[in-house]
Amino acid sequence: MVLALMSIGLVAGFAMSTSEQAATSSQRAQARAYSYAQMGLEAFLTQRKEFRAGCTPATPYTRAQAAACAFCPQCWTANGAARNSSVNANLDTLPTVAESVTVAFTNGSAFVRAVPVWVSVSTGRGTYFVTSTGTDNQSGMATGAGNTRSATRTVGVYVTWSKSTMNVMGALVSFSGIVKNGTGAISGVDQCGADTNVAGINIPSEAAMNLNGQSFTPTGNPPYDTLRTFSQDSAATRLDWLGITNGTSMPADINITSTSSAFPTAGSFASDTNYWPIIHVFNRSASWNGLWTLPNQGRGILIVDGNLNINGSNQWDGIVLVGGQLTSNGNNVTSGTVMAGLNRLIGVPAAALVDADLNGQKSYMYNSCSVRKATSSMARYTMLPNTWMDNVAQY
């Protein structure tokens, strides 16, 4: 009798131990599934437009060619913009169709899906619900009667389609001050009429502004903005200049160095009005004053790490970002926004930078449409605050 009772107790103990082990194993599987779900969500939001390692389509590529190498092939198939002449297909337009991708991990995966909730094609805006279901393949989760299945966990977040990646502070912004000689027009009044007006000229309160010449009165809201300190202005830019100059925050379509890549010809811009490249000129020297001269007119985003000269009647549509001094000679026209003296954002002292020097008849006009077109390649999903959720129901 005693032996029988001891045997029953021993069997019960083993049964309890097995049950506890199954529960612990299930909890661990759930935790791994949650990790896969979150990693998949983050990968989708950051790598949606990217190509897989070791696979880059030959340019100019079509949507199908991009999809063959893409992190998210279905994204390109559903929402990619078609190739236009020499311009690659892209994922920069407003997504109007649901997108999905399976992200593989060593012992699991995540199925990510972005579903439109509200889309306005006319304004280029939209709201989407992105879910990510992580699956753990490492061990099963107990479901009763000795059965197991793969553990899954779903997280979700609401996102918006964001096309604006910089804060336009004026038609002409210089963190190192401005010297203006001659006539011209500098206006923060939106030439496109699609957005609010900005300052005509914006410089920090510590910087100098010397205006010489006749018939020159900036316009905008306000015409001059000199009230904020450099610290306040630098915070307002929301510009990661260090990341931009390193080539990480704003990867360029064309990188120009002393030994590689030629600047696009005027003909290449004239032949395709949809060509708005990001061009990065690496000309910053040890003394911060490497000089580069704009060879011809163009459009897009022009990033110059050091000093920039614009001569003659060259025109630029879009955004010009200059780390050092901007020198403008002749009858130049810029439609969009121009920022100079940006190397102050990465710790270069004001004394090491020279005031922007504007000579001759100038036309620096704010144009929100040009800014929008220039930044279209940086359009992306942006998470809405306080909308992330766990244990999202699946249907």
Protein backbone atom coordinates (compact mmCIF):
# COMPACT_ATOMS: atom_id res chain seq x y z
CA MET A 1 0.00 0.00 0.00
CA VAL A 2 2.79 2.36 0.95
CA LEU A 3 4.64 1.54 -2.25
CA ALA A 4 1.49 2.19 -4.29
CA LEU A 5 1.00 5.60 -2.68
CA MET A 6 4.65 6.47 -3.27
CA SER A 7 4.33 5.44 -6.93
CA ILE A 8 1.21 7.58 -7.38
CA GLY A 9 2.96 10.58 -5.82
CA LEU A 10 6.00 10.09 -8.01
CA VAL A 11 3.89 9.89 -11.17
CA ALA A 12 1.98 13.02 -10.14
CA GLY A 13 5.25 14.84 -9.55
CA PHE A 14 6.54 13.91 -12.98
CA ALA A 15 3.24 14.99 -14.55
CA MET A 16 3.42 18.39 -12.81
CA SER A 17 7.04 18.81 -13.87
CA THR A 18 6.17 18.02 -17.48
CA SER A 19 3.25 20.47 -17.40
CA GLU A 20 5.42 23.23 -15.97
CA GLN A 21 8.09 22.59 -18.59
CA ALA A 22 5.48 22.80 -21.35
CA ALA A 23 4.16 26.09 -19.94
CA THR A 24 7.66 27.54 -19.68
CA SER A 25 8.51 26.40 -23.21
CA SER A 26 5.30 27.99 -24.53
CA GLN A 27 6.08 31.28 -22.80
CA ARG A 28 9.56 31.34 -24.28
CA ALA A 29 8.18 30.57 -27.74
CA GLN A 30 5.70 33.44 -27.36
CA ALA A 31 8.51 35.80 -26.34
CA ARG A 32 10.54 34.80 -29.40
CA ALA A 33 7.51 35.26 -31.65
CA TYR A 34 7.03 38.73 -30.20
CA SER A 35 10.68 39.57 -30.96
CA TYR A 36 10.29 38.40 -34.56
CA ALA A 37 7.11 40.47 -34.93
CA GLN A 38 8.76 43.63 -33.67
CA MET A 39 11.94 43.10 -35.72
CA GLY A 40 9.84 42.49 -38.82
CA LEU A 41 7.86 45.68 -38.24
CA GLU A 42 11.01 47.75 -37.82
CA ALA A 43 12.64 46.16 -40.86
CA PHE A 44 9.62 46.99 -43.04
CA LEU A 45 9.49 50.62 -41.96
CA THR A 46 13.22 51.18 -42.51
CA GLN A 47 14.01 48.89 -45.47
CA ARG A 48 10.82 49.04 -47.57
CA LYS A 49 12.58 50.67 -50.54
CA GLU A 50 15.88 48.85 -50.24
CA PHE A 51 17.39 45.98 -52.22
CA ARG A 52 18.67 42.73 -50.75
CA ALA A 53 22.38 42.44 -50.09
CA GLY A 54 24.29 41.40 -53.20
CA CYS A 55 21.39 42.11 -55.58
CA THR A 56 21.18 45.46 -57.35
CA PRO A 57 19.29 45.86 -60.66
CA ALA A 58 21.05 47.49 -63.57
CA THR A 59 19.99 51.09 -64.15
CA PRO A 60 17.66 52.38 -65.38
CA TYR A 61 15.51 49.63 -63.89
CA THR A 62 11.81 48.84 -64.19
CA ARG A 63 9.42 47.89 -61.39
CA ALA A 64 9.79 44.21 -62.24
CA GLN A 65 13.58 44.41 -62.20
CA ALA A 66 13.48 46.25 -58.87
CA ALA A 67 11.07 43.70 -57.40
CA ALA A 68 13.45 40.87 -58.28
CA CYS A 69 16.06 42.35 -55.93
CA ALA A 70 13.81 44.11 -53.44
CA PHE A 71 13.36 43.65 -49.71
CA CYS A 72 9.61 43.96 -50.41
CA PRO A 73 8.90 42.67 -53.94
CA GLN A 74 5.13 43.09 -53.62
CA CYS A 75 5.58 46.75 -52.65
CA TRP A 76 7.20 47.45 -56.01
CA THR A 77 4.62 45.41 -57.90
CA ALA A 78 1.65 47.09 -56.21
CA ASN A 79 2.76 50.69 -55.70
CA GLY A 80 5.99 51.28 -57.61
CA ALA A 81 6.12 54.14 -60.10
CA ALA A 82 7.11 53.00 -63.58
CA ARG A 83 10.48 53.77 -65.13
CA ASN A 84 10.47 57.05 -67.04
CA SER A 85 13.07 57.13 -69.79
CA SER A 86 16.43 57.22 -68.00
CA VAL A 87 14.85 57.60 -64.54
CA ASN A 88 14.58 54.46 -62.42
CA ALA A 89 11.28 53.09 -61.20
CA ASN A 90 10.72 54.14 -57.61
CA LEU A 91 8.67 53.64 -54.45
CA ASP A 92 8.30 57.35 -53.75
CA THR A 93 4.65 57.79 -54.70
CA LEU A 94 1.67 57.55 -52.34
CA PRO A 95 0.83 53.87 -51.66
CA THR A 96 -2.79 53.19 -52.61
CA VAL A 97 -2.77 49.37 -52.45
CA ALA A 98 -2.06 47.12 -49.45
CA GLU A 99 1.53 45.91 -49.21
CA SER A 100 2.96 42.78 -47.61
CA VAL A 101 6.26 40.99 -47.16
CA THR A 102 7.60 38.00 -45.23
CA VAL A 103 10.80 38.76 -43.34
CA ALA A 104 12.86 35.63 -42.65
CA PHE A 105 14.98 35.10 -39.54
CA THR A 106 17.17 32.16 -38.49
CA ASN A 107 14.53 30.38 -36.40
CA GLY A 108 11.40 32.25 -37.33
CA SER A 109 9.76 34.84 -39.54
CA ALA A 110 7.46 37.84 -39.60
CA PHE A 111 4.61 38.52 -42.01
CA VAL A 112 4.19 42.29 -42.33
CA ARG A 113 1.19 43.92 -43.96
CA ALA A 114 0.39 47.63 -44.51
CA VAL A 115 -3.29 48.35 -45.17
CA PRO A 116 -4.58 51.79 -46.28
CA VAL A 117 -7.03 53.31 -43.80
CA TRP A 118 -7.40 56.71 -45.44
CA VAL A 119 -5.78 57.91 -48.66
CA SER A 120 -6.01 61.29 -50.40
CA VAL A 121 -4.45 61.09 -53.84
CA SER A 122 -5.00 64.81 -54.48
CA THR A 123 -2.92 65.86 -51.46
CA GLY A 124 -0.50 62.92 -51.50
CA ARG A 125 -1.33 61.97 -47.92
CA GLY A 126 -2.49 58.75 -46.30
CA THR A 127 -2.89 56.80 -43.07
CA TYR A 128 -2.15 53.07 -42.84
CA PHE A 129 -2.33 50.27 -40.29
CA VAL A 130 0.78 48.10 -40.31
CA THR A 131 0.69 44.70 -38.61
CA SER A 132 3.53 42.25 -38.12
CA THR A 133 2.89 38.63 -37.15
CA GLY A 134 5.95 36.89 -35.79
CA THR A 135 6.24 33.10 -35.93
CA ASP A 136 8.70 31.08 -33.85
CA ASN A 137 9.85 27.84 -35.51
CA GLN A 138 12.31 26.84 -32.83
CA SER A 139 9.90 24.91 -30.60
CA GLY A 140 6.19 24.25 -30.38
CA MET A 141 3.64 25.85 -28.09
CA ALA A 142 1.41 23.51 -26.09
CA THR A 143 -2.24 23.53 -27.21
CA GLY A 144 -3.60 20.68 -25.08
CA ALA A 145 -3.88 16.90 -25.41
CA GLY A 146 -0.14 16.75 -25.97
CA ASN A 147 -0.34 18.76 -29.23
CA THR A 148 1.86 21.70 -30.16
CA ARG A 149 1.92 24.40 -32.81
CA SER A 150 4.25 27.23 -33.76
CA ALA A 151 3.96 30.24 -31.48
CA THR A 152 2.73 33.47 -33.11
CA ARG A 153 2.39 37.05 -31.88
CA THR A 154 1.09 40.12 -33.71
CA VAL A 155 1.98 43.75 -33.12
CA GLY A 156 0.65 46.76 -35.00
CA VAL A 157 1.02 50.50 -35.43
CA TYR A 158 -0.65 53.31 -37.36
CA VAL A 159 1.58 55.21 -39.78
CA THR A 160 1.25 58.17 -42.10
CA TRP A 161 2.83 58.73 -45.49
CA SER A 162 5.40 61.45 -44.88
CA LYS A 163 6.93 63.40 -47.76
CA SER A 164 8.49 66.25 -45.78
CA THR A 165 11.89 65.55 -44.25
CA MET A 166 13.16 69.07 -43.58
CA ASN A 167 11.85 72.25 -42.06
CA VAL A 168 12.01 75.13 -44.53
CA MET A 169 13.05 78.19 -42.51
CA GLY A 170 13.37 80.68 -45.33
CA ALA A 171 14.11 81.26 -48.99
CA LEU A 172 17.73 81.91 -47.99
CA VAL A 173 19.16 80.67 -44.68
CA SER A 174 22.76 81.25 -43.62
CA PHE A 175 24.16 80.27 -40.23
CA SER A 176 27.31 82.27 -41.00
CA GLY A 177 25.70 85.59 -42.00
CA ILE A 178 25.04 87.28 -45.35
CA VAL A 179 26.69 89.96 -47.48
CA LYS A 180 24.43 91.14 -50.33
CA ASN A 181 25.74 93.43 -53.07
CA GLY A 182 23.59 94.64 -55.95
CA THR A 183 19.94 94.20 -56.75
CA GLY A 184 17.62 91.22 -56.84
CA ALA A 185 14.72 89.52 -55.12
CA ILE A 186 14.73 87.22 -52.12
CA SER A 187 11.23 86.11 -51.22
CA GLY A 188 9.73 83.67 -48.74
CA VAL A 189 6.33 84.01 -50.41
CA ASP A 190 5.48 80.57 -51.78
CA GLN A 191 5.73 80.80 -55.57
CA CYS A 192 3.71 77.60 -55.82
CA GLY A 193 0.90 78.91 -53.60
CA ALA A 194 0.47 75.50 -51.99
CA ASP A 195 1.96 76.16 -48.55
CA THR A 196 2.40 78.87 -45.94
CA ASN A 197 4.92 81.61 -46.54
CA VAL A 198 8.32 81.56 -44.82
CA ALA A 199 11.00 84.12 -44.05
CA GLY A 200 12.78 85.77 -46.95
CA ILE A 201 16.16 85.79 -45.17
CA ASN A 202 16.92 83.81 -42.02
CA ILE A 203 20.14 84.17 -40.03
CA PRO A 204 20.92 83.66 -36.32
CA SER A 205 20.83 86.74 -34.12
CA GLU A 206 24.61 86.49 -33.58
CA ALA A 207 25.40 86.54 -37.32
CA ALA A 208 25.94 89.67 -39.43
CA MET A 209 23.80 90.81 -42.35
CA ASN A 210 25.25 93.48 -44.65
CA LEU A 211 23.05 94.71 -47.48
CA ASN A 212 24.57 96.97 -50.12
CA GLY A 213 22.88 98.16 -53.27
CA GLN A 214 19.67 99.61 -54.57
CA SER A 215 16.18 98.19 -55.14
CA PHE A 216 16.63 95.27 -52.78
CA THR A 217 13.93 94.54 -50.22
CA PRO A 218 13.34 90.91 -49.18
CA THR A 219 9.75 89.75 -48.76
CA GLY A 220 8.23 86.93 -46.77
CA ASN A 221 6.79 86.10 -43.38
CA PRO A 222 8.76 87.88 -42.02
CA PRO A 223 11.01 89.48 -44.66
CA TYR A 224 13.95 89.09 -42.23
CA ASP A 225 14.13 86.57 -39.40
CA THR A 226 17.05 87.43 -37.13
CA LEU A 227 15.42 86.95 -33.73
CA ARG A 228 16.54 83.42 -32.87
CA THR A 229 19.95 82.44 -31.57
CA PHE A 230 22.09 79.91 -33.40
CA SER A 231 21.11 77.30 -30.81
CA GLN A 232 17.41 77.95 -31.47
CA ASP A 233 17.85 78.04 -35.24
CA SER A 234 19.89 74.83 -35.31
CA ALA A 235 17.21 73.00 -33.32
CA ALA A 236 14.52 74.30 -35.67
CA THR A 237 16.22 72.94 -38.80
CA ARG A 238 15.63 69.30 -37.81
CA LEU A 239 18.52 68.54 -40.16
CA ASP A 240 21.00 65.74 -39.43
CA TRP A 241 23.92 67.47 -41.15
CA LEU A 242 26.52 65.05 -39.80
CA GLY A 243 24.52 62.10 -41.12
CA ILE A 244 23.98 63.89 -44.43
CA THR A 245 27.68 64.62 -44.94
CA ASN A 246 28.49 61.03 -43.99
CA GLY A 247 26.07 59.85 -46.67
CA THR A 248 23.76 57.99 -44.27
CA SER A 249 20.83 60.32 -43.55
CA MET A 250 20.29 61.35 -47.16
CA PRO A 251 21.89 58.79 -49.51
CA ALA A 252 22.70 60.43 -52.84
CA ASP A 253 21.92 59.28 -56.36
CA ILE A 254 25.18 60.85 -57.53
CA ASN A 255 28.32 61.22 -55.40
CA ILE A 256 30.90 63.65 -56.73
CA THR A 257 34.47 63.44 -55.45
CA SER A 258 37.84 64.53 -56.80
CA THR A 259 38.19 61.19 -58.58
CA SER A 260 34.69 59.95 -59.39
CA SER A 261 31.34 60.82 -60.97
CA ALA A 262 30.50 63.67 -63.29
CA PHE A 263 27.77 66.22 -62.69
CA PRO A 264 24.67 65.67 -64.88
CA THR A 265 24.61 67.85 -67.97
CA ALA A 266 22.01 70.53 -68.58
CA GLY A 267 20.69 68.30 -71.36
CA SER A 268 19.98 65.43 -68.96
CA PHE A 269 17.77 67.72 -66.88
CA ALA A 270 16.09 69.26 -69.94
CA SER A 271 15.28 65.88 -71.48
CA ASP A 272 13.43 64.57 -68.43
CA THR A 273 11.44 66.95 -66.23
CA ASN A 274 10.89 64.15 -63.68
CA TYR A 275 14.61 63.95 -62.98
CA TRP A 276 15.13 65.29 -59.42
CA PRO A 277 18.30 63.57 -58.17
CA ILE A 278 20.11 63.94 -54.86
CA ILE A 279 23.66 65.05 -55.69
CA HIS A 280 26.36 65.04 -53.00
CA VAL A 281 29.64 66.91 -53.53
CA PHE A 282 32.39 65.74 -51.16
CA ASN A 283 34.65 68.81 -51.21
CA ARG A 284 35.21 69.57 -47.54
CA SER A 285 38.92 69.91 -46.80
CA ALA A 286 40.81 69.79 -43.52
CA SER A 287 40.27 73.56 -43.19
CA TRP A 288 36.55 73.29 -44.06
CA ASN A 289 36.86 75.49 -47.16
CA GLY A 290 37.13 73.17 -50.13
CA LEU A 291 35.62 74.96 -53.16
CA TRP A 292 33.29 73.56 -55.82
CA THR A 293 31.56 75.46 -58.65
CA LEU A 294 28.16 74.53 -60.04
CA PRO A 295 28.88 73.64 -63.69
CA ASN A 296 25.37 74.10 -65.10
CA GLN A 297 21.74 74.49 -64.13
CA GLY A 298 19.78 71.63 -62.63
CA ARG A 299 17.24 70.49 -60.08
CA GLY A 300 16.85 68.21 -57.06
CA ILE A 301 18.83 68.31 -53.82
CA LEU A 302 22.38 69.65 -54.08
CA ILE A 303 24.56 68.84 -51.04
CA VAL A 304 27.95 70.56 -50.92
CA ASP A 305 30.08 69.70 -47.88
CA GLY A 306 32.43 72.68 -48.28
CA ASN A 307 32.13 75.99 -50.18
CA LEU A 308 29.92 76.50 -53.25
CA ASN A 309 30.23 78.99 -56.12
CA ILE A 310 27.27 79.69 -58.40
CA ASN A 311 28.25 81.85 -61.38
CA GLY A 312 26.52 83.38 -64.37
CA SER A 313 22.87 82.64 -65.05
CA ASN A 314 22.80 79.13 -63.62
CA GLN A 315 19.47 78.16 -62.08
CA TRP A 316 18.62 75.54 -59.45
CA ASP A 317 15.17 74.18 -58.65
CA GLY A 318 14.78 72.39 -55.33
CA ILE A 319 17.08 72.44 -52.31
CA VAL A 320 20.67 73.64 -51.94
CA LEU A 321 22.55 72.64 -48.75
CA VAL A 322 26.01 74.17 -48.30
CA GLY A 323 28.32 73.33 -45.43
CA GLY A 324 30.62 76.32 -45.91
CA GLN A 325 30.35 79.60 -47.77
CA LEU A 326 27.89 80.24 -50.58
CA THR A 327 29.23 82.68 -53.19
CA SER A 328 26.78 83.73 -55.87
CA ASN A 329 27.96 85.87 -58.81
CA GLY A 330 25.82 87.01 -61.70
CA ASN A 331 22.13 86.62 -62.41
CA ASN A 332 21.39 83.41 -60.48
CA VAL A 333 17.91 82.05 -59.91
CA THR A 334 16.97 79.53 -57.23
CA SER A 335 13.45 78.21 -56.79
CA GLY A 336 12.99 76.23 -53.57
CA THR A 337 15.21 76.91 -50.55
CA VAL A 338 18.92 77.50 -49.91
CA MET A 339 20.84 76.89 -46.67
CA ALA A 340 24.50 77.80 -46.09
CA GLY A 341 26.96 77.67 -43.22
CA LEU A 342 25.62 74.27 -42.16
CA ASN A 343 28.99 73.09 -40.88
CA ARG A 344 28.22 75.07 -37.74
CA LEU A 345 25.72 72.30 -36.97
CA ILE A 346 28.60 69.85 -36.53
CA GLY A 347 30.75 72.03 -34.32
CA VAL A 348 32.71 74.16 -36.76
CA PRO A 349 33.11 77.57 -35.05
CA ALA A 350 31.50 80.59 -36.66
CA ALA A 351 34.92 82.22 -37.04
CA ALA A 352 35.99 79.42 -39.39
CA LEU A 353 33.09 80.09 -41.77
CA VAL A 354 32.63 83.06 -44.10
CA ASP A 355 29.38 84.97 -44.69
CA ALA A 356 27.34 83.98 -47.72
CA ASP A 357 28.40 86.41 -50.46
CA LEU A 358 25.72 87.40 -52.97
CA ASN A 359 26.86 89.64 -55.84
CA GLY A 360 24.86 90.96 -58.78
CA GLN A 361 21.18 90.47 -59.50
CA LYS A 362 19.80 87.60 -57.45
CA SER A 363 16.51 85.76 -57.36
CA TYR A 364 16.10 83.41 -54.41
CA MET A 365 12.45 82.40 -54.28
CA TYR A 366 10.76 79.94 -51.93
CA ASN A 367 8.78 77.32 -53.84
CA SER A 368 7.10 74.55 -51.83
CA CYS A 369 6.37 72.50 -54.97
CA SER A 370 10.06 72.42 -55.87
CA VAL A 371 10.93 71.42 -52.30
CA ARG A 372 8.32 68.67 -52.37
CA LYS A 373 9.56 67.28 -55.68
CA ALA A 374 13.16 67.39 -54.48
CA THR A 375 12.34 65.45 -51.31
CA SER A 376 9.98 62.96 -52.97
CA SER A 377 12.66 60.25 -52.96
CA MET A 378 12.73 60.46 -49.16
CA ALA A 379 9.00 59.83 -48.77
CA ARG A 380 8.33 57.07 -46.24
CA TYR A 381 5.99 55.63 -43.64
CA THR A 382 6.19 57.49 -40.33
CA MET A 383 4.76 56.03 -37.11
CA LEU A 384 2.01 57.97 -35.38
CA PRO A 385 2.77 58.53 -31.67
CA ASN A 386 0.96 56.37 -29.11
CA THR A 387 -0.58 53.99 -31.68
CA TRP A 388 1.66 50.93 -31.23
CA MET A 389 -0.22 47.88 -29.89
CA ASP A 390 0.45 44.27 -28.94
CA ASN A 391 -1.66 41.09 -29.29
CA VAL A 392 -3.47 42.44 -32.35
CA ALA A 393 -6.34 40.18 -33.40
CA GLN A 394 -5.93 38.40 -36.73
CA TYR A 395 -8.80 37.66 -39.08
